[in-house]
Protein backbone atom coordinates (compact mmCIF):
# COMPACT_ATOMS: atom_id res chain seq x y z
CA MET A 1 23.47 -5.66 -13.25
CA LYS A 2 24.63 -6.90 -9.92
CA ALA A 3 22.90 -5.24 -7.04
CA ALA A 4 25.16 -2.90 -4.72
CA ARG A 5 26.40 -4.55 -1.55
CA PRO A 6 23.89 -3.68 1.09
CA SER A 7 25.09 -0.88 3.60
CA THR A 8 25.62 -1.80 7.29
CA ARG A 9 22.73 0.74 7.95
CA LEU A 10 20.35 -2.05 6.83
CA ALA A 11 21.01 -4.00 9.95
CA PRO A 12 19.45 -1.67 12.38
CA ARG A 13 16.48 -1.17 10.00
CA ARG A 14 15.68 -4.87 10.06
CA ARG A 15 15.81 -4.95 13.85
CA ALA A 16 13.59 -2.05 13.89
CA LEU A 17 10.98 -3.74 11.86
CA GLY A 18 9.94 -6.36 14.39
CA TRP A 19 7.17 -4.25 15.76
CA LEU A 20 5.52 -4.06 12.35
CA LEU A 21 4.97 -7.75 12.06
CA ALA A 22 1.05 -8.35 12.31
CA ALA A 23 1.30 -9.67 15.99
CA PRO A 24 -1.64 -12.04 17.02
CA ALA A 25 -2.44 -9.80 20.03
CA ALA A 26 -2.82 -6.72 17.57
CA LEU A 27 -4.86 -8.88 15.32
CA GLY A 28 -7.07 -10.15 17.93
CA THR A 29 -7.89 -6.69 19.10
CA ALA A 30 -8.54 -5.57 15.61
CA ALA A 31 -10.82 -8.54 15.01
CA ALA A 32 -12.85 -7.74 18.15
CA TRP A 33 -13.17 -4.02 17.19
CA ALA A 34 -14.27 -5.18 13.70
CA GLN A 35 -16.98 -7.25 14.99
CA ALA A 36 -18.34 -4.45 17.31
CA ALA A 37 -17.94 -1.88 14.47
CA PRO A 38 -20.96 -0.90 12.30
CA ASP A 39 -21.44 -2.72 9.12
CA THR A 40 -20.57 -0.43 6.19
CA GLY A 41 -21.53 -2.57 3.18
CA LEU A 42 -18.36 -1.66 1.46
CA ARG A 43 -17.43 -5.44 1.13
CA ASP A 44 -20.41 -5.80 -1.22
CA GLU A 45 -19.23 -3.06 -3.19
CA VAL A 46 -15.85 -4.39 -4.17
CA GLY A 47 -16.99 -7.95 -4.55
CA ARG A 48 -14.63 -10.82 -4.86
CA PRO A 49 -11.17 -10.51 -6.33
CA SER A 50 -10.75 -11.24 -9.94
CA ARG A 51 -10.32 -14.87 -10.97
CA LEU A 52 -7.44 -13.90 -13.11
CA ALA A 53 -5.40 -13.38 -9.89
CA GLY A 54 -5.71 -17.06 -9.32
CA LEU A 55 -3.71 -17.89 -12.35
CA VAL A 56 -0.54 -16.89 -10.61
CA PRO A 57 0.49 -18.28 -7.12
CA ALA A 58 0.20 -15.49 -4.38
CA GLU A 59 3.55 -16.84 -2.91
CA GLN A 60 5.39 -16.31 -6.18
CA VAL A 61 4.10 -12.81 -6.58
CA GLU A 62 4.89 -11.93 -3.03
CA ALA A 63 8.55 -13.48 -3.29
CA ALA A 64 9.06 -11.39 -6.49
CA ALA A 65 7.96 -8.23 -4.74
CA ALA A 66 10.20 -8.87 -1.80
CA GLU A 67 13.16 -9.34 -3.84
CA GLN A 68 12.45 -6.03 -5.88
CA TYR A 69 11.94 -4.28 -2.48
CA VAL A 70 15.23 -5.52 -1.02
CA GLN A 71 17.00 -4.48 -4.21
CA LEU A 72 15.39 -1.02 -3.89
CA LEU A 73 16.51 -0.60 -0.33
CA ARG A 74 20.06 -1.79 -1.08
CA GLN A 75 20.37 0.73 -3.72
CA ALA A 76 18.86 3.57 -1.54
CA ALA A 77 21.20 2.51 1.27
CA ALA A 78 24.24 2.61 -1.02
CA THR A 79 23.60 6.06 -2.28
CA ARG A 80 22.39 7.36 1.24
CA GLN A 81 18.89 7.77 0.21
CA LEU A 82 17.43 5.45 2.79
CA LEU A 83 16.39 7.38 5.80
CA PRO A 84 17.43 5.84 9.16
CA PRO A 85 14.85 4.39 11.64
CA GLY A 86 15.42 7.19 13.95
CA HIS A 87 14.30 9.83 11.59
CA PRO A 88 11.16 11.52 12.73
CA GLN A 89 9.27 10.95 9.59
CA VAL A 90 10.26 7.31 9.55
CA GLN A 91 8.82 6.93 12.98
CA ARG A 92 5.68 8.71 11.93
CA LEU A 93 5.05 6.48 8.98
CA ARG A 94 5.67 3.37 11.18
CA ALA A 95 3.30 4.61 13.82
CA ILE A 96 0.58 5.16 11.37
CA ALA A 97 1.22 1.70 9.69
CA ARG A 98 0.94 0.19 13.17
CA ARG A 99 -2.69 1.43 13.36
CA LEU A 100 -3.52 0.54 9.92
CA VAL A 101 -2.04 -3.04 9.49
CA PRO A 102 -3.99 -4.97 12.09
CA TYR A 103 -7.15 -4.23 10.01
CA ALA A 104 -5.63 -5.59 6.77
CA PRO A 105 -6.63 -9.31 7.34
CA LEU A 106 -10.25 -8.14 7.38
CA TRP A 107 -9.80 -7.65 3.53
CA ASN A 108 -7.35 -10.48 2.92
CA ALA A 109 -6.41 -13.34 5.22
CA ARG A 110 -2.88 -13.69 3.67
CA ALA A 111 -2.16 -10.29 5.24
CA ALA A 112 -1.83 -11.76 8.65
CA GLN A 113 1.34 -13.64 7.52
CA TRP A 114 3.13 -10.80 5.61
CA ARG A 115 6.18 -9.52 6.92
CA TRP A 116 5.14 -5.77 6.84
CA GLU A 117 7.89 -3.21 6.24
CA VAL A 118 7.72 0.57 5.91
CA ASN A 119 10.59 2.72 4.74
CA LEU A 120 11.26 6.29 3.78
CA LEU A 121 13.30 7.23 0.64
CA ALA A 122 14.83 10.66 0.19
CA GLY A 123 14.31 12.64 -2.76
CA ARG A 124 11.62 15.11 -3.93
CA ASP A 125 9.37 12.46 -5.78
CA LEU A 126 5.64 12.67 -4.88
CA ASN A 127 5.26 8.91 -4.66
CA ALA A 128 4.47 6.06 -2.41
CA PHE A 129 3.45 2.38 -2.80
CA CYS A 130 2.75 -0.93 -1.15
CA MET A 131 4.00 -4.09 -2.90
CA PRO A 132 2.43 -7.41 -2.60
CA GLY A 133 3.22 -8.93 0.73
CA GLY A 134 3.17 -5.52 2.75
CA LYS A 135 6.39 -3.73 1.47
CA ILE A 136 5.62 -0.05 1.83
CA ALA A 137 7.77 2.82 0.89
CA PHE A 138 7.13 6.60 0.91
CA TYR A 139 9.23 9.24 -0.64
CA PHE A 140 10.07 12.26 1.52
CA GLY A 141 9.07 14.70 -1.37
CA LEU A 142 5.39 13.52 -0.81
CA LEU A 143 5.46 14.33 2.83
CA GLN A 144 7.31 17.74 2.41
CA GLN A 145 5.98 19.32 -0.69
CA LEU A 146 2.34 18.41 0.05
CA GLN A 147 2.58 19.14 3.90
CA LEU A 148 0.43 16.06 4.55
CA ASP A 149 -1.06 15.72 7.96
CA ASP A 150 -1.32 12.42 9.69
CA ASP A 151 -5.01 11.87 8.28
CA GLU A 152 -3.69 12.41 4.71
CA VAL A 153 -0.68 10.13 5.20
CA ALA A 154 -3.11 7.54 6.38
CA ALA A 155 -5.16 8.16 3.15
CA VAL A 156 -2.15 7.55 1.06
CA MET A 157 -0.98 4.46 2.99
CA GLY A 158 -4.45 2.87 3.25
CA HIS A 159 -5.06 3.35 -0.53
CA GLU A 160 -1.64 1.69 -1.32
CA ILE A 161 -2.26 -1.16 1.15
CA ALA A 162 -5.53 -1.79 -0.35
CA HIS A 163 -3.91 -2.39 -3.73
CA ALA A 164 -1.86 -5.13 -2.10
CA LEU A 165 -4.93 -6.50 -0.16
CA ARG A 166 -7.00 -6.56 -3.42
CA GLU A 167 -4.15 -8.26 -5.11
CA HIS A 168 -4.30 -5.90 -8.06
CA ALA A 169 -0.64 -6.52 -9.16
CA ARG A 170 -1.25 -10.22 -8.99
CA GLU A 171 -4.28 -9.85 -11.19
CA ARG A 172 -2.46 -7.62 -13.74
CA ILE A 173 0.20 -10.49 -13.85
CA GLY A 174 -2.58 -12.95 -14.44
CA LYS A 175 -3.94 -10.81 -17.26
CA THR A 176 -0.45 -10.72 -18.80
CA THR A 177 -0.09 -14.46 -18.49
CA VAL A 178 -3.28 -14.92 -20.42
CA THR A 179 -2.50 -12.32 -22.99
CA ARG A 180 0.91 -13.87 -23.75
CA GLY A 181 -0.59 -17.38 -23.95
CA LEU A 182 2.16 -18.80 -21.61
CA ILE A 183 -0.19 -20.81 -19.47
CA GLU A 184 -1.60 -24.15 -20.30
CA LEU A 185 -4.65 -25.86 -18.69
CA GLY A 186 -2.81 -28.06 -16.54
CA SER A 187 -0.09 -25.69 -15.18
CA ALA A 188 -2.22 -24.28 -12.42
CA PHE A 189 -2.38 -27.76 -10.99
CA PHE A 190 0.92 -29.39 -11.86
CA GLY A 191 3.50 -26.41 -12.10
CA LEU A 192 4.00 -22.89 -12.87
CA GLY A 193 4.42 -23.49 -16.69
CA GLY A 194 5.14 -20.17 -18.31
CA THR A 195 3.83 -18.24 -15.31
CA GLY A 196 7.62 -18.13 -13.93
CA ARG A 197 8.61 -16.33 -17.24
CA VAL A 198 5.74 -13.94 -16.74
CA LEU A 199 6.91 -13.21 -13.26
CA ALA A 200 10.45 -12.61 -14.38
CA ASP A 201 9.24 -10.23 -17.00
CA VAL A 202 6.72 -8.39 -14.92
CA GLY A 203 8.23 -8.72 -11.50
CA GLY A 204 10.57 -5.76 -12.26
CA GLN A 205 7.64 -3.67 -13.06
CA LEU A 206 5.75 -3.97 -9.70
CA LEU A 207 6.62 -0.39 -8.80
CA THR A 208 5.24 0.91 -11.84
CA LEU A 209 2.17 -1.02 -12.70
CA ARG A 210 -0.92 0.83 -13.89
CA PHE A 211 -4.26 -0.17 -12.21
CA SER A 212 -7.49 0.00 -13.86
CA ARG A 213 -10.17 2.46 -12.96
CA ASP A 214 -11.96 -0.19 -11.05
CA ASP A 215 -8.75 -1.12 -9.24
CA GLU A 216 -8.37 2.60 -8.17
CA SER A 217 -12.02 2.58 -7.06
CA GLU A 218 -11.56 -0.49 -5.10
CA ALA A 219 -8.44 0.98 -3.30
CA ASP A 220 -10.23 4.02 -2.54
CA ILE A 221 -13.01 2.09 -0.81
CA VAL A 222 -10.86 -0.33 1.11
CA GLY A 223 -8.40 2.44 1.99
CA LEU A 224 -11.23 4.56 3.47
CA ASP A 225 -12.36 1.55 5.50
CA LEU A 226 -8.83 0.82 6.90
CA MET A 227 -8.14 4.44 7.87
CA ALA A 228 -11.56 5.08 9.58
CA ARG A 229 -11.07 1.80 11.55
CA ALA A 230 -7.64 3.01 12.81
CA GLY A 231 -9.01 6.21 13.89
CA TYR A 232 -7.97 8.61 11.03
CA ASP A 233 -10.49 10.99 9.58
CA PRO A 234 -11.65 9.57 6.13
CA GLY A 235 -12.51 13.09 4.89
CA ALA A 236 -8.77 13.58 4.49
CA GLY A 237 -8.96 11.41 1.35
CA LEU A 238 -10.63 14.52 -0.28
CA THR A 239 -8.09 16.97 0.90
CA LEU A 240 -5.31 14.41 -0.35
CA TRP A 241 -6.54 14.28 -3.77
CA ARG A 242 -7.08 18.00 -4.01
CA LYS A 243 -3.57 18.59 -3.04
CA MET A 244 -2.52 15.97 -5.62
CA LEU A 245 -4.59 17.58 -8.30
CA ALA A 246 -3.01 20.98 -7.62
CA ALA A 247 0.36 19.29 -7.85
CA ASP A 248 -0.50 17.88 -11.30
CA ARG A 249 -0.95 21.33 -12.77
CA GLY A 250 2.71 21.23 -13.98
CA ALA A 251 4.46 18.07 -14.77
CA PRO A 252 2.50 15.19 -13.47
CA PRO A 253 4.19 13.68 -10.30
CA PRO A 254 5.00 9.99 -10.41
CA TRP A 255 2.11 8.98 -8.01
CA MET A 256 -0.50 10.78 -10.34
CA SER A 257 0.87 8.80 -13.40
CA THR A 258 -0.22 5.56 -11.86
CA HIS A 259 -3.05 6.93 -9.74
CA PRO A 260 -5.19 9.32 -11.90
CA ALA A 261 -7.63 11.58 -10.07
CA GLY A 262 -10.34 13.93 -11.07
CA ALA A 263 -13.81 15.28 -10.19
CA THR A 264 -15.46 11.86 -10.50
CA ARG A 265 -13.04 10.35 -8.04
CA LEU A 266 -13.52 13.17 -5.49
CA ARG A 267 -17.43 12.63 -5.87
CA ASP A 268 -17.00 8.91 -5.41
CA ILE A 269 -15.07 9.24 -2.10
CA GLU A 270 -17.49 12.05 -0.83
CA ALA A 271 -20.47 9.74 -1.60
CA ARG A 272 -18.83 6.81 0.57
CA LEU A 273 -17.93 9.08 3.47
CA PRO A 274 -21.27 8.58 5.19
CA LYS A 275 -20.53 4.69 5.24
CA VAL A 276 -17.12 5.01 6.91
CA LEU A 277 -17.78 8.04 9.22
CA PRO A 278 -19.59 5.86 11.93
CA LEU A 279 -16.34 3.58 12.01
CA TYR A 280 -14.23 6.79 12.41
CA ARG A 281 -16.47 8.09 15.18
CA ALA A 282 -16.39 4.80 17.08
CA ALA A 283 -12.63 4.20 16.63
CA PRO A 284 -10.08 5.05 19.16
CA ARG A 285 -7.96 7.99 18.19
CA PRO A 286 -4.00 7.86 17.54
CA PRO A 287 -2.37 8.52 20.84
CA GLN A 288 0.14 10.68 19.17
CA ARG A 289 -0.04 13.17 16.28
CA PHE A 290 3.06 14.08 14.10
CA ALA A 291 3.90 17.24 11.97
CA PRO A 292 4.96 17.03 8.40
CA PRO A 293 8.56 18.07 7.53
CA ALA A 294 9.48 21.65 7.52
CA PRO A 295 8.73 23.12 4.10
CA ALA A 296 11.69 23.21 1.68
């Protein structure tokens, strides 16, 4: 189906995104702070990314994600579901992202070149995501229904950014490539081979990929590190998941279908707090705090 023609509302959105590109000055500040920050040992816990991710070129996965993200925004704009840059909650999300994004290259050097974007979609969905290449979206319902404070928003955002930094979607596509038998020995060196077809099939599923338990654990670890360095209380990871568990008592919200939680997850987060709390205590605090949307 042909995508809807983009609304003129997208033009100011694109102009407003200039601030979110990972500016060298911001990255330099983050790098200097990272060198002075205490060593948490978390990098040893997550290890190296899976070799399966290397079966698929990162550029191809990021391009597929960018295309899908644009289509999503076009559809949202056409149905008046894309909230404008001046909306208080859009400004809030982008302010929080400005503090988190500069630390992303500490976990993935490619992140310094990503064209980061953050947008807010209307609707009651309890959902958020960060696609490969730094394409972030939140749904208004997540902020409103759970009454997330800034620390909890940073916990969601840090977790989602971590999935992109650890290239979990790329790894899943790599696994699909192997499973379908569409890649030959020489394709990694002389061309995409069947990888292009896999991307065509899987690219449309980047918003709904299910990550493994190990992926989720890695995202929790990296997300805690990012938010602590950015000056957000990592203890909010616990209050966030408790709110999500409470919301899951009825029909499971979309975010819970791809990000399962439980007592074990809460215990794991709590066990890692002593490692990231020194980062949080030493980090500069956000200069501005925002309120959640008024309850429905």
